Amino acid sequence: MISQQSRADAQCLWDFQQMGHEVRPCSVAIGLGSHDLGVADVTAALYRDGMAPVIVFTGATSRTTRERMPRGEAEHYRERALELGVPADAILVEPNARNTGENITLSRTLLAERGITVSSALLVCKPYEERRAYATARKLWPDAEWLCASAPMSFAEYVASIGDERLVIDMLVGAQQRLVIYPNQGFMIRQEIPTDIEEAYRRLVTDGFTSRLIPATVEAAEGC
């Protein structure tokens, strides 16, 4: 049973992860691979709306996508975008990235190899990872301007789409942990975390929403 307090705390983390950027035309849209084909849907919609002339889908496979996306996350995203009317020559596929940092660095390399100049980029990801993706991109590709986009869904709508409330809360807690520990490791820029967000995070960890935490740093994360 998930308590009302845990749901309220999860809502706080969900709201904090949303960057609230207003999208506008950029040099490229980069769709970050994951289990969620909604990322491909949003990226395709941005292309159709004239927000980017070219798309990069980036991602290999992971333990959570190996069965569902055997050809790789980026390739399955490409196929979905083609179904949604995006022309093949507007899509680049980066099939090797296995984490957010590689999503950014390998996409940058691919675009440079294709001679595409990037001054700004739309970073398309899952709704609960906007802030994490943004902080990573700012660290690894600081000379580009970054805007985040994701499916315009409420926390309740996203839970309904996944069908597993505990898993979604676990993923939110994991994303929040990484905002704290990854800057120390040089993986992303540091961002100010309000006290109410820290407190919501600690309560969720105490209540056992820990399956997506990095085990070696659980104690440090609880004390952040």
N, C-alpha and C. Protein backbone atom coordinates (compact mmCIF):
# COMPACT_ATOMS: atom_id res chain seq x y z
N MET A 1 0.84 -1.19 0.00
CA MET A 1 0.00 0.00 0.00
C MET A 1 0.89 1.25 0.00
N ILE A 2 0.61 2.15 -0.91
CA ILE A 2 1.37 3.41 -1.01
C ILE A 2 0.57 4.49 -0.29
N SER A 3 1.20 5.15 0.66
CA SER A 3 0.51 6.14 1.48
C SER A 3 0.28 7.44 0.71
N GLN A 4 -0.64 8.23 1.22
CA GLN A 4 -0.90 9.54 0.62
C GLN A 4 0.33 10.44 0.74
N GLN A 5 1.09 10.29 1.85
CA GLN A 5 2.31 11.08 2.00
C GLN A 5 3.32 10.72 0.91
N SER A 6 3.46 9.43 0.63
CA SER A 6 4.40 9.02 -0.41
C SER A 6 3.97 9.54 -1.77
N ARG A 7 2.68 9.51 -2.04
CA ARG A 7 2.19 10.05 -3.31
C ARG A 7 2.46 11.55 -3.41
N ALA A 8 2.26 12.25 -2.29
CA ALA A 8 2.52 13.70 -2.29
C ALA A 8 4.01 13.98 -2.49
N ASP A 9 4.85 13.18 -1.84
CA ASP A 9 6.30 13.35 -2.01
C ASP A 9 6.72 13.05 -3.45
N ALA A 10 6.15 12.00 -4.03
CA ALA A 10 6.46 11.67 -5.43
C ALA A 10 6.03 12.80 -6.36
N GLN A 11 4.89 13.42 -6.07
CA GLN A 11 4.44 14.54 -6.88
C GLN A 11 5.44 15.70 -6.80
N CYS A 12 5.99 15.93 -5.61
CA CYS A 12 7.00 16.98 -5.45
C CYS A 12 8.22 16.70 -6.34
N LEU A 13 8.70 15.45 -6.32
CA LEU A 13 9.85 15.12 -7.17
C LEU A 13 9.50 15.23 -8.64
N TRP A 14 8.31 14.80 -9.02
CA TRP A 14 7.85 14.91 -10.41
C TRP A 14 7.86 16.37 -10.86
N ASP A 15 7.30 17.24 -10.05
CA ASP A 15 7.24 18.67 -10.40
C ASP A 15 8.64 19.26 -10.51
N PHE A 16 9.54 18.85 -9.61
CA PHE A 16 10.90 19.38 -9.63
C PHE A 16 11.66 18.95 -10.87
N GLN A 17 11.41 17.73 -11.33
CA GLN A 17 12.11 17.24 -12.52
C GLN A 17 11.68 17.97 -13.79
N GLN A 18 10.50 18.56 -13.79
CA GLN A 18 10.02 19.28 -14.97
C GLN A 18 10.75 20.63 -15.08
N MET A 19 11.43 20.86 -16.18
CA MET A 19 12.17 22.11 -16.36
C MET A 19 11.28 23.28 -16.75
N GLY A 20 10.13 22.98 -17.34
CA GLY A 20 9.21 24.06 -17.70
C GLY A 20 9.68 24.91 -18.87
N HIS A 21 10.52 24.36 -19.72
CA HIS A 21 11.02 25.12 -20.86
C HIS A 21 9.93 25.30 -21.92
N GLU A 22 9.93 26.45 -22.54
CA GLU A 22 9.05 26.71 -23.68
C GLU A 22 9.84 26.37 -24.95
N VAL A 23 9.37 25.37 -25.68
CA VAL A 23 10.14 24.94 -26.85
C VAL A 23 10.06 25.97 -27.96
N ARG A 24 11.11 26.03 -28.74
CA ARG A 24 11.19 26.90 -29.90
C ARG A 24 12.12 26.23 -30.90
N PRO A 25 12.17 26.71 -32.14
CA PRO A 25 13.02 26.05 -33.13
C PRO A 25 14.49 26.00 -32.70
N CYS A 26 15.09 24.81 -32.86
CA CYS A 26 16.49 24.58 -32.50
C CYS A 26 17.20 23.88 -33.66
N SER A 27 18.50 23.74 -33.52
CA SER A 27 19.30 23.11 -34.57
C SER A 27 18.98 21.64 -34.75
N VAL A 28 18.62 20.97 -33.66
CA VAL A 28 18.41 19.52 -33.68
C VAL A 28 17.51 19.14 -32.52
N ALA A 29 16.81 18.03 -32.67
CA ALA A 29 16.09 17.40 -31.55
C ALA A 29 16.75 16.07 -31.28
N ILE A 30 17.11 15.83 -30.02
CA ILE A 30 17.79 14.60 -29.63
C ILE A 30 16.86 13.81 -28.72
N GLY A 31 16.42 12.64 -29.20
CA GLY A 31 15.55 11.78 -28.42
C GLY A 31 16.37 10.74 -27.67
N LEU A 32 16.31 10.78 -26.34
CA LEU A 32 17.11 9.89 -25.52
C LEU A 32 16.44 8.53 -25.38
N GLY A 33 17.13 7.48 -25.76
CA GLY A 33 16.58 6.14 -25.74
C GLY A 33 16.20 5.68 -24.35
N SER A 34 15.14 4.87 -24.27
CA SER A 34 14.66 4.31 -23.01
C SER A 34 13.60 3.27 -23.34
N HIS A 35 12.90 2.81 -22.31
CA HIS A 35 11.79 1.88 -22.50
C HIS A 35 10.55 2.56 -23.04
N ASP A 36 10.54 3.90 -23.05
CA ASP A 36 9.33 4.67 -23.28
C ASP A 36 9.27 5.19 -24.73
N LEU A 37 8.44 4.56 -25.57
CA LEU A 37 8.30 5.01 -26.96
C LEU A 37 7.65 6.38 -27.05
N GLY A 38 7.08 6.85 -25.96
CA GLY A 38 6.52 8.20 -25.97
C GLY A 38 7.57 9.25 -26.27
N VAL A 39 8.84 8.96 -25.97
CA VAL A 39 9.91 9.90 -26.31
C VAL A 39 9.99 10.07 -27.82
N ALA A 40 9.86 8.97 -28.55
CA ALA A 40 9.87 9.05 -30.02
C ALA A 40 8.66 9.82 -30.53
N ASP A 41 7.51 9.62 -29.89
CA ASP A 41 6.29 10.34 -30.30
C ASP A 41 6.47 11.84 -30.15
N VAL A 42 7.01 12.26 -29.00
CA VAL A 42 7.20 13.69 -28.76
C VAL A 42 8.22 14.27 -29.74
N THR A 43 9.30 13.54 -29.98
CA THR A 43 10.33 14.02 -30.90
C THR A 43 9.76 14.17 -32.31
N ALA A 44 8.97 13.21 -32.74
CA ALA A 44 8.34 13.29 -34.06
C ALA A 44 7.40 14.48 -34.14
N ALA A 45 6.64 14.72 -33.08
CA ALA A 45 5.71 15.86 -33.08
C ALA A 45 6.46 17.18 -33.15
N LEU A 46 7.60 17.27 -32.46
CA LEU A 46 8.40 18.49 -32.53
C LEU A 46 8.92 18.72 -33.94
N TYR A 47 9.34 17.64 -34.59
CA TYR A 47 9.80 17.77 -35.99
C TYR A 47 8.66 18.26 -36.88
N ARG A 48 7.49 17.65 -36.75
CA ARG A 48 6.35 18.04 -37.58
C ARG A 48 5.93 19.49 -37.33
N ASP A 49 6.15 19.96 -36.12
CA ASP A 49 5.81 21.34 -35.77
C ASP A 49 6.89 22.34 -36.18
N GLY A 50 7.93 21.86 -36.83
CA GLY A 50 8.99 22.75 -37.31
C GLY A 50 9.97 23.19 -36.25
N MET A 51 10.06 22.43 -35.14
CA MET A 51 10.95 22.81 -34.05
C MET A 51 12.40 22.37 -34.28
N ALA A 52 12.63 21.48 -35.24
CA ALA A 52 14.00 21.04 -35.55
C ALA A 52 14.02 20.44 -36.95
N PRO A 53 15.08 20.72 -37.73
CA PRO A 53 15.16 20.17 -39.09
C PRO A 53 15.69 18.75 -39.14
N VAL A 54 16.28 18.30 -38.05
CA VAL A 54 16.87 16.96 -38.02
C VAL A 54 16.70 16.38 -36.62
N ILE A 55 16.58 15.05 -36.57
CA ILE A 55 16.40 14.32 -35.32
C ILE A 55 17.58 13.37 -35.14
N VAL A 56 18.05 13.25 -33.91
CA VAL A 56 18.95 12.16 -33.55
C VAL A 56 18.24 11.30 -32.51
N PHE A 57 18.13 10.01 -32.78
CA PHE A 57 17.69 9.07 -31.77
C PHE A 57 18.92 8.32 -31.28
N THR A 58 19.10 8.27 -29.96
CA THR A 58 20.32 7.71 -29.40
C THR A 58 20.00 6.69 -28.32
N GLY A 59 20.64 5.52 -28.41
CA GLY A 59 20.45 4.51 -27.38
C GLY A 59 20.66 3.11 -27.90
N ALA A 60 21.37 2.31 -27.12
CA ALA A 60 21.58 0.89 -27.43
C ALA A 60 20.44 0.11 -26.79
N THR A 61 20.73 -0.87 -25.98
CA THR A 61 19.72 -1.58 -25.20
C THR A 61 20.19 -1.65 -23.75
N SER A 62 19.26 -1.94 -22.87
CA SER A 62 19.58 -2.12 -21.45
C SER A 62 18.81 -3.34 -20.97
N ARG A 63 18.98 -3.66 -19.70
CA ARG A 63 18.27 -4.82 -19.16
C ARG A 63 16.75 -4.62 -19.21
N THR A 64 16.30 -3.36 -19.20
CA THR A 64 14.86 -3.11 -19.23
C THR A 64 14.29 -3.00 -20.64
N THR A 65 15.16 -2.93 -21.65
CA THR A 65 14.66 -2.77 -23.03
C THR A 65 15.09 -3.90 -23.96
N ARG A 66 15.92 -4.81 -23.48
CA ARG A 66 16.50 -5.83 -24.36
C ARG A 66 15.43 -6.68 -25.05
N GLU A 67 14.40 -7.06 -24.30
CA GLU A 67 13.35 -7.90 -24.89
C GLU A 67 12.38 -7.07 -25.72
N ARG A 68 12.01 -5.89 -25.25
CA ARG A 68 11.03 -5.07 -25.95
C ARG A 68 11.61 -4.40 -27.19
N MET A 69 12.91 -4.09 -27.16
CA MET A 69 13.54 -3.36 -28.26
C MET A 69 14.81 -4.08 -28.69
N PRO A 70 14.69 -5.27 -29.25
CA PRO A 70 15.88 -6.08 -29.55
C PRO A 70 16.81 -5.45 -30.58
N ARG A 71 16.30 -4.56 -31.42
CA ARG A 71 17.15 -3.92 -32.43
C ARG A 71 17.81 -2.65 -31.89
N GLY A 72 17.58 -2.36 -30.62
CA GLY A 72 18.16 -1.17 -29.99
C GLY A 72 17.13 -0.06 -29.87
N GLU A 73 17.26 0.70 -28.80
CA GLU A 73 16.28 1.76 -28.52
C GLU A 73 16.22 2.79 -29.65
N ALA A 74 17.37 3.23 -30.13
CA ALA A 74 17.38 4.26 -31.17
C ALA A 74 16.71 3.77 -32.44
N GLU A 75 16.95 2.51 -32.80
CA GLU A 75 16.35 1.97 -34.02
C GLU A 75 14.84 1.83 -33.88
N HIS A 76 14.37 1.39 -32.73
CA HIS A 76 12.92 1.30 -32.51
C HIS A 76 12.28 2.69 -32.51
N TYR A 77 12.98 3.67 -31.97
CA TYR A 77 12.49 5.05 -32.02
C TYR A 77 12.39 5.51 -33.48
N ARG A 78 13.43 5.20 -34.26
CA ARG A 78 13.41 5.61 -35.67
C ARG A 78 12.20 5.00 -36.38
N GLU A 79 11.95 3.72 -36.15
CA GLU A 79 10.82 3.06 -36.79
C GLU A 79 9.50 3.71 -36.39
N ARG A 80 9.39 4.08 -35.12
CA ARG A 80 8.17 4.74 -34.65
C ARG A 80 8.00 6.11 -35.33
N ALA A 81 9.08 6.87 -35.44
CA ALA A 81 9.01 8.18 -36.08
C ALA A 81 8.63 8.06 -37.55
N LEU A 82 9.16 7.05 -38.24
CA LEU A 82 8.78 6.83 -39.63
C LEU A 82 7.28 6.55 -39.74
N GLU A 83 6.75 5.74 -38.82
CA GLU A 83 5.31 5.47 -38.80
C GLU A 83 4.50 6.75 -38.61
N LEU A 84 5.08 7.70 -37.89
CA LEU A 84 4.39 8.96 -37.60
C LEU A 84 4.63 10.03 -38.66
N GLY A 85 5.29 9.65 -39.75
CA GLY A 85 5.40 10.55 -40.89
C GLY A 85 6.68 11.34 -41.00
N VAL A 86 7.66 11.08 -40.13
CA VAL A 86 8.94 11.79 -40.26
C VAL A 86 9.73 11.15 -41.40
N PRO A 87 10.25 11.94 -42.34
CA PRO A 87 11.00 11.35 -43.46
C PRO A 87 12.31 10.74 -42.99
N ALA A 88 12.71 9.67 -43.64
CA ALA A 88 13.92 8.93 -43.23
C ALA A 88 15.16 9.81 -43.27
N ASP A 89 15.23 10.73 -44.24
CA ASP A 89 16.46 11.54 -44.35
C ASP A 89 16.56 12.62 -43.28
N ALA A 90 15.54 12.75 -42.44
CA ALA A 90 15.59 13.70 -41.33
C ALA A 90 16.00 13.04 -40.02
N ILE A 91 16.28 11.74 -40.04
CA ILE A 91 16.56 10.98 -38.81
C ILE A 91 17.97 10.41 -38.85
N LEU A 92 18.73 10.68 -37.82
CA LEU A 92 20.02 10.05 -37.60
C LEU A 92 19.90 9.10 -36.42
N VAL A 93 20.59 7.97 -36.49
CA VAL A 93 20.53 6.96 -35.43
C VAL A 93 21.90 6.80 -34.81
N GLU A 94 21.97 6.94 -33.51
CA GLU A 94 23.19 6.69 -32.73
C GLU A 94 22.90 5.46 -31.88
N PRO A 95 23.45 4.27 -32.23
CA PRO A 95 23.00 3.02 -31.63
C PRO A 95 23.83 2.48 -30.48
N ASN A 96 24.79 3.25 -29.97
CA ASN A 96 25.75 2.68 -29.03
C ASN A 96 25.65 3.19 -27.60
N ALA A 97 24.98 4.30 -27.38
CA ALA A 97 24.96 4.91 -26.05
C ALA A 97 24.23 4.04 -25.04
N ARG A 98 24.82 3.91 -23.85
CA ARG A 98 24.23 3.09 -22.79
C ARG A 98 23.94 3.88 -21.52
N ASN A 99 24.15 5.18 -21.55
CA ASN A 99 23.77 6.04 -20.43
C ASN A 99 23.58 7.45 -20.97
N THR A 100 23.11 8.35 -20.11
CA THR A 100 22.78 9.70 -20.57
C THR A 100 24.01 10.45 -21.05
N GLY A 101 25.13 10.26 -20.37
CA GLY A 101 26.35 10.93 -20.81
C GLY A 101 26.75 10.50 -22.21
N GLU A 102 26.67 9.21 -22.49
CA GLU A 102 27.00 8.73 -23.84
C GLU A 102 25.96 9.19 -24.85
N ASN A 103 24.69 9.29 -24.45
CA ASN A 103 23.69 9.85 -25.34
C ASN A 103 24.14 11.21 -25.88
N ILE A 104 24.67 12.04 -24.99
CA ILE A 104 25.08 13.39 -25.36
C ILE A 104 26.37 13.37 -26.17
N THR A 105 27.40 12.71 -25.66
CA THR A 105 28.70 12.79 -26.33
C THR A 105 28.70 12.08 -27.69
N LEU A 106 28.03 10.94 -27.79
CA LEU A 106 28.00 10.23 -29.06
C LEU A 106 27.10 10.92 -30.08
N SER A 107 26.04 11.56 -29.62
CA SER A 107 25.21 12.34 -30.54
C SER A 107 26.00 13.53 -31.08
N ARG A 108 26.77 14.16 -30.22
CA ARG A 108 27.59 15.30 -30.65
C ARG A 108 28.58 14.86 -31.72
N THR A 109 29.22 13.71 -31.49
CA THR A 109 30.18 13.20 -32.47
C THR A 109 29.49 12.90 -33.80
N LEU A 110 28.33 12.26 -33.75
CA LEU A 110 27.61 11.91 -34.97
C LEU A 110 27.23 13.15 -35.76
N LEU A 111 26.71 14.16 -35.08
CA LEU A 111 26.32 15.39 -35.76
C LEU A 111 27.52 16.09 -36.39
N ALA A 112 28.64 16.09 -35.69
CA ALA A 112 29.86 16.70 -36.24
C ALA A 112 30.32 15.95 -37.48
N GLU A 113 30.24 14.62 -37.44
CA GLU A 113 30.64 13.82 -38.60
C GLU A 113 29.75 14.11 -39.80
N ARG A 114 28.50 14.43 -39.56
CA ARG A 114 27.58 14.75 -40.65
C ARG A 114 27.65 16.22 -41.06
N GLY A 115 28.51 16.98 -40.43
CA GLY A 115 28.69 18.39 -40.79
C GLY A 115 27.54 19.27 -40.37
N ILE A 116 26.80 18.87 -39.33
CA ILE A 116 25.66 19.64 -38.86
C ILE A 116 26.10 20.53 -37.69
N THR A 117 25.97 21.82 -37.86
CA THR A 117 26.35 22.78 -36.82
C THR A 117 25.21 22.90 -35.82
N VAL A 118 25.55 22.76 -34.55
CA VAL A 118 24.53 22.79 -33.50
C VAL A 118 24.81 23.96 -32.55
N SER A 119 23.89 24.90 -32.52
CA SER A 119 23.97 25.98 -31.53
C SER A 119 22.93 25.81 -30.44
N SER A 120 21.88 25.06 -30.74
CA SER A 120 20.81 24.83 -29.76
C SER A 120 20.21 23.45 -30.01
N ALA A 121 19.68 22.85 -28.96
CA ALA A 121 19.15 21.49 -29.11
C ALA A 121 17.94 21.29 -28.20
N LEU A 122 16.96 20.58 -28.74
CA LEU A 122 15.82 20.12 -27.95
C LEU A 122 16.16 18.74 -27.42
N LEU A 123 16.17 18.60 -26.13
CA LEU A 123 16.53 17.34 -25.47
C LEU A 123 15.22 16.67 -25.04
N VAL A 124 14.89 15.58 -25.70
CA VAL A 124 13.60 14.93 -25.47
C VAL A 124 13.82 13.66 -24.66
N CYS A 125 13.10 13.55 -23.55
CA CYS A 125 13.33 12.44 -22.63
C CYS A 125 12.03 12.09 -21.92
N LYS A 126 12.10 11.16 -20.97
CA LYS A 126 10.96 10.81 -20.15
C LYS A 126 10.63 11.99 -19.23
N PRO A 127 9.37 12.18 -18.88
CA PRO A 127 8.99 13.36 -18.09
C PRO A 127 9.72 13.47 -16.76
N TYR A 128 10.05 12.34 -16.13
CA TYR A 128 10.66 12.42 -14.80
C TYR A 128 12.18 12.53 -14.86
N GLU A 129 12.74 12.72 -16.05
CA GLU A 129 14.20 12.84 -16.16
C GLU A 129 14.64 14.11 -16.88
N GLU A 130 13.75 15.09 -17.02
CA GLU A 130 14.14 16.31 -17.71
C GLU A 130 15.34 16.98 -17.04
N ARG A 131 15.26 17.18 -15.73
CA ARG A 131 16.31 17.92 -15.04
C ARG A 131 17.64 17.16 -15.08
N ARG A 132 17.57 15.85 -14.91
CA ARG A 132 18.80 15.04 -14.98
C ARG A 132 19.43 15.14 -16.38
N ALA A 133 18.62 15.00 -17.42
CA ALA A 133 19.15 15.07 -18.78
C ALA A 133 19.74 16.45 -19.07
N TYR A 134 19.03 17.48 -18.63
CA TYR A 134 19.50 18.86 -18.85
C TYR A 134 20.84 19.09 -18.17
N ALA A 135 20.97 18.66 -16.91
CA ALA A 135 22.21 18.87 -16.17
C ALA A 135 23.37 18.14 -16.82
N THR A 136 23.10 16.97 -17.37
CA THR A 136 24.15 16.20 -18.05
C THR A 136 24.58 16.89 -19.34
N ALA A 137 23.61 17.33 -20.12
CA ALA A 137 23.93 18.00 -21.39
C ALA A 137 24.71 19.30 -21.16
N ARG A 138 24.30 20.06 -20.15
CA ARG A 138 25.01 21.30 -19.85
C ARG A 138 26.47 21.05 -19.47
N LYS A 139 26.72 19.94 -18.80
CA LYS A 139 28.09 19.62 -18.39
C LYS A 139 28.93 19.16 -19.56
N LEU A 140 28.38 18.30 -20.40
CA LEU A 140 29.16 17.64 -21.44
C LEU A 140 29.18 18.38 -22.77
N TRP A 141 28.22 19.28 -22.98
CA TRP A 141 28.17 20.05 -24.23
C TRP A 141 27.78 21.48 -23.87
N PRO A 142 28.66 22.20 -23.17
CA PRO A 142 28.29 23.49 -22.58
C PRO A 142 28.10 24.62 -23.57
N ASP A 143 28.63 24.48 -24.78
CA ASP A 143 28.53 25.58 -25.73
C ASP A 143 27.24 25.55 -26.54
N ALA A 144 26.37 24.57 -26.30
CA ALA A 144 25.06 24.54 -26.95
C ALA A 144 24.00 25.02 -25.96
N GLU A 145 22.94 25.62 -26.48
CA GLU A 145 21.80 25.99 -25.64
C GLU A 145 20.83 24.80 -25.61
N TRP A 146 20.38 24.43 -24.41
CA TRP A 146 19.56 23.23 -24.25
C TRP A 146 18.17 23.58 -23.76
N LEU A 147 17.18 23.00 -24.44
CA LEU A 147 15.80 23.09 -24.01
C LEU A 147 15.26 21.67 -23.85
N CYS A 148 14.54 21.41 -22.78
CA CYS A 148 14.00 20.08 -22.52
C CYS A 148 12.55 19.98 -22.96
N ALA A 149 12.19 18.78 -23.41
CA ALA A 149 10.80 18.50 -23.78
C ALA A 149 10.49 17.06 -23.41
N SER A 150 9.24 16.83 -23.05
CA SER A 150 8.79 15.48 -22.75
C SER A 150 7.28 15.44 -22.96
N ALA A 151 6.71 14.26 -22.83
CA ALA A 151 5.26 14.12 -23.00
C ALA A 151 4.53 14.97 -21.96
N PRO A 152 3.55 15.76 -22.39
CA PRO A 152 2.83 16.64 -21.46
C PRO A 152 1.82 15.85 -20.62
N MET A 153 2.36 15.10 -19.64
CA MET A 153 1.53 14.22 -18.83
C MET A 153 1.67 14.60 -17.35
N SER A 154 0.59 14.43 -16.61
CA SER A 154 0.65 14.59 -15.16
C SER A 154 1.27 13.34 -14.55
N PHE A 155 1.64 13.44 -13.27
CA PHE A 155 2.17 12.28 -12.57
C PHE A 155 1.18 11.12 -12.62
N ALA A 156 -0.09 11.41 -12.35
CA ALA A 156 -1.12 10.36 -12.35
C ALA A 156 -1.27 9.73 -13.72
N GLU A 157 -1.20 10.55 -14.77
CA GLU A 157 -1.32 10.03 -16.14
C GLU A 157 -0.14 9.13 -16.48
N TYR A 158 1.05 9.54 -16.02
CA TYR A 158 2.22 8.71 -16.33
C TYR A 158 2.16 7.39 -15.59
N VAL A 159 1.74 7.42 -14.33
CA VAL A 159 1.58 6.18 -13.58
C VAL A 159 0.60 5.26 -14.30
N ALA A 160 -0.51 5.83 -14.77
CA ALA A 160 -1.50 5.01 -15.48
C ALA A 160 -0.91 4.41 -16.76
N SER A 161 -0.06 5.16 -17.45
CA SER A 161 0.52 4.67 -18.70
C SER A 161 1.51 3.53 -18.45
N ILE A 162 2.21 3.57 -17.31
CA ILE A 162 3.19 2.53 -16.97
C ILE A 162 2.50 1.35 -16.31
N GLY A 163 1.49 1.64 -15.50
CA GLY A 163 0.75 0.57 -14.84
C GLY A 163 1.38 0.05 -13.57
N ASP A 164 2.35 0.78 -13.02
CA ASP A 164 3.04 0.32 -11.81
C ASP A 164 3.48 1.55 -11.03
N GLU A 165 2.66 1.96 -10.06
CA GLU A 165 2.94 3.19 -9.32
C GLU A 165 4.24 3.10 -8.53
N ARG A 166 4.48 1.97 -7.89
CA ARG A 166 5.71 1.82 -7.10
C ARG A 166 6.94 1.95 -7.99
N LEU A 167 6.92 1.36 -9.17
CA LEU A 167 8.06 1.46 -10.08
C LEU A 167 8.31 2.91 -10.47
N VAL A 168 7.25 3.65 -10.78
CA VAL A 168 7.42 5.05 -11.17
C VAL A 168 8.03 5.86 -10.03
N ILE A 169 7.56 5.62 -8.80
CA ILE A 169 8.13 6.35 -7.67
C ILE A 169 9.59 5.95 -7.46
N ASP A 170 9.89 4.66 -7.60
CA ASP A 170 11.29 4.23 -7.52
C ASP A 170 12.15 4.95 -8.56
N MET A 171 11.65 5.12 -9.76
CA MET A 171 12.42 5.78 -10.82
C MET A 171 12.60 7.26 -10.50
N LEU A 172 11.57 7.89 -9.93
CA LEU A 172 11.70 9.29 -9.52
C LEU A 172 12.77 9.45 -8.45
N VAL A 173 12.77 8.55 -7.47
CA VAL A 173 13.77 8.60 -6.40
C VAL A 173 15.18 8.39 -6.97
N GLY A 174 15.32 7.46 -7.90
CA GLY A 174 16.62 7.23 -8.53
C GLY A 174 17.10 8.45 -9.30
N ALA A 175 16.19 9.09 -10.02
CA ALA A 175 16.57 10.30 -10.77
C ALA A 175 17.00 11.41 -9.83
N GLN A 176 16.31 11.54 -8.71
CA GLN A 176 16.65 12.58 -7.74
C GLN A 176 18.01 12.31 -7.10
N GLN A 177 18.28 11.05 -6.77
CA GLN A 177 19.58 10.70 -6.20
C GLN A 177 20.72 11.13 -7.11
N ARG A 178 20.56 10.90 -8.39
CA ARG A 178 21.63 11.20 -9.34
C ARG A 178 21.88 12.70 -9.45
N LEU A 179 20.85 13.51 -9.24
CA LEU A 179 21.07 14.96 -9.23
C LEU A 179 22.00 15.38 -8.11
N VAL A 180 22.05 14.59 -7.06
CA VAL A 180 22.89 14.91 -5.91
C VAL A 180 24.30 14.37 -6.07
N ILE A 181 24.43 13.11 -6.50
CA ILE A 181 25.75 12.48 -6.48
C ILE A 181 26.54 12.66 -7.77
N TYR A 182 25.88 12.80 -8.91
CA TYR A 182 26.61 12.85 -10.17
C TYR A 182 27.44 14.13 -10.36
N PRO A 183 27.00 15.29 -9.85
CA PRO A 183 27.89 16.45 -9.97
C PRO A 183 29.25 16.21 -9.31
N ASN A 184 29.26 15.50 -8.19
CA ASN A 184 30.53 15.22 -7.51
C ASN A 184 31.45 14.34 -8.35
N GLN A 185 30.86 13.58 -9.26
CA GLN A 185 31.63 12.69 -10.11
C GLN A 185 31.93 13.29 -11.49
N GLY A 186 31.51 14.54 -11.68
CA GLY A 186 31.79 15.23 -12.92
C GLY A 186 30.88 14.89 -14.07
N PHE A 187 29.73 14.25 -13.77
CA PHE A 187 28.82 13.80 -14.83
C PHE A 187 27.78 14.85 -15.22
N MET A 188 27.53 15.82 -14.34
CA MET A 188 26.51 16.83 -14.64
C MET A 188 26.79 18.09 -13.83
N ILE A 189 26.14 19.17 -14.23
CA ILE A 189 26.29 20.40 -13.47
C ILE A 189 25.55 20.28 -12.15
N ARG A 190 25.97 21.06 -11.17
CA ARG A 190 25.29 21.08 -9.88
C ARG A 190 24.11 22.04 -9.94
N GLN A 191 23.01 21.63 -9.35
CA GLN A 191 21.81 22.46 -9.30
C GLN A 191 21.34 22.60 -7.85
N GLU A 192 20.76 23.72 -7.54
CA GLU A 192 20.24 23.93 -6.19
C GLU A 192 19.00 23.06 -5.99
N ILE A 193 18.97 22.35 -4.88
CA ILE A 193 17.83 21.48 -4.56
C ILE A 193 17.12 22.05 -3.35
N PRO A 194 15.87 22.49 -3.51
CA PRO A 194 15.15 23.09 -2.39
C PRO A 194 14.97 22.12 -1.22
N THR A 195 14.82 22.68 -0.04
CA THR A 195 14.70 21.86 1.17
C THR A 195 13.51 20.92 1.12
N ASP A 196 12.38 21.38 0.57
CA ASP A 196 11.20 20.51 0.55
C ASP A 196 11.42 19.31 -0.37
N ILE A 197 12.22 19.48 -1.41
CA ILE A 197 12.53 18.36 -2.30
C ILE A 197 13.45 17.36 -1.60
N GLU A 198 14.46 17.87 -0.88
CA GLU A 198 15.34 16.99 -0.12
C GLU A 198 14.55 16.17 0.90
N GLU A 199 13.61 16.82 1.57
CA GLU A 199 12.83 16.14 2.59
C GLU A 199 11.91 15.08 1.98
N ALA A 200 11.29 15.41 0.85
CA ALA A 200 10.42 14.44 0.17
C ALA A 200 11.23 13.23 -0.27
N TYR A 201 12.42 13.48 -0.79
CA TYR A 201 13.31 12.40 -1.22
C TYR A 201 13.68 11.49 -0.05
N ARG A 202 14.09 12.08 1.06
CA ARG A 202 14.49 11.29 2.23
C ARG A 202 13.34 10.42 2.73
N ARG A 203 12.13 10.99 2.78
CA ARG A 203 10.99 10.20 3.25
C ARG A 203 10.73 9.01 2.34
N LEU A 204 10.83 9.22 1.04
CA LEU A 204 10.59 8.11 0.10
C LEU A 204 11.65 7.03 0.24
N VAL A 205 12.90 7.42 0.44
CA VAL A 205 13.95 6.43 0.67
C VAL A 205 13.66 5.65 1.95
N THR A 206 13.30 6.36 3.00
CA THR A 206 12.98 5.70 4.27
C THR A 206 11.81 4.74 4.12
N ASP A 207 10.87 5.09 3.25
CA ASP A 207 9.68 4.25 3.04
C ASP A 207 9.93 3.10 2.07
N GLY A 208 11.17 2.96 1.61
CA GLY A 208 11.53 1.77 0.85
C GLY A 208 11.50 1.90 -0.66
N PHE A 209 11.40 3.11 -1.18
CA PHE A 209 11.40 3.29 -2.64
C PHE A 209 12.85 3.40 -3.11
N THR A 210 13.54 2.28 -3.12
CA THR A 210 15.00 2.28 -3.29
C THR A 210 15.51 1.40 -4.43
N SER A 211 14.62 0.81 -5.23
CA SER A 211 15.10 -0.16 -6.21
C SER A 211 15.94 0.47 -7.32
N ARG A 212 15.81 1.79 -7.53
CA ARG A 212 16.58 2.44 -8.58
C ARG A 212 17.72 3.30 -8.03
N LEU A 213 17.99 3.17 -6.74
CA LEU A 213 19.14 3.86 -6.18
C LEU A 213 20.43 3.15 -6.56
N ILE A 214 21.51 3.89 -6.61
CA ILE A 214 22.82 3.30 -6.81
C ILE A 214 23.26 2.75 -5.46
N PRO A 215 23.37 1.43 -5.29
CA PRO A 215 23.53 0.83 -3.96
C PRO A 215 24.71 1.34 -3.18
N ALA A 216 25.83 1.55 -3.83
CA ALA A 216 27.05 1.93 -3.11
C ALA A 216 26.93 3.30 -2.46
N THR A 217 25.93 4.09 -2.88
CA THR A 217 25.83 5.46 -2.37
C THR A 217 24.51 5.70 -1.66
N VAL A 218 23.80 4.65 -1.30
CA VAL A 218 22.51 4.85 -0.65
C VAL A 218 22.64 5.65 0.62
N GLU A 219 23.63 5.31 1.47
CA GLU A 219 23.77 6.02 2.73
C GLU A 219 24.08 7.48 2.49
N ALA A 220 24.97 7.76 1.54
CA ALA A 220 25.31 9.15 1.25
C ALA A 220 24.11 9.90 0.71
N ALA A 221 23.32 9.23 -0.13
CA ALA A 221 22.15 9.88 -0.70
C ALA A 221 21.12 10.19 0.37
N GLU A 222 20.95 9.29 1.34
CA GLU A 222 19.98 9.52 2.39
C GLU A 222 20.37 10.73 3.23
N GLY A 223 21.67 11.00 3.29
CA GLY A 223 22.11 12.11 4.12
C GLY A 223 22.29 13.40 3.37
N CYS A 224 21.92 13.44 2.10
CA CYS A 224 22.19 14.62 1.29
C CYS A 224 21.31 15.78 1.72
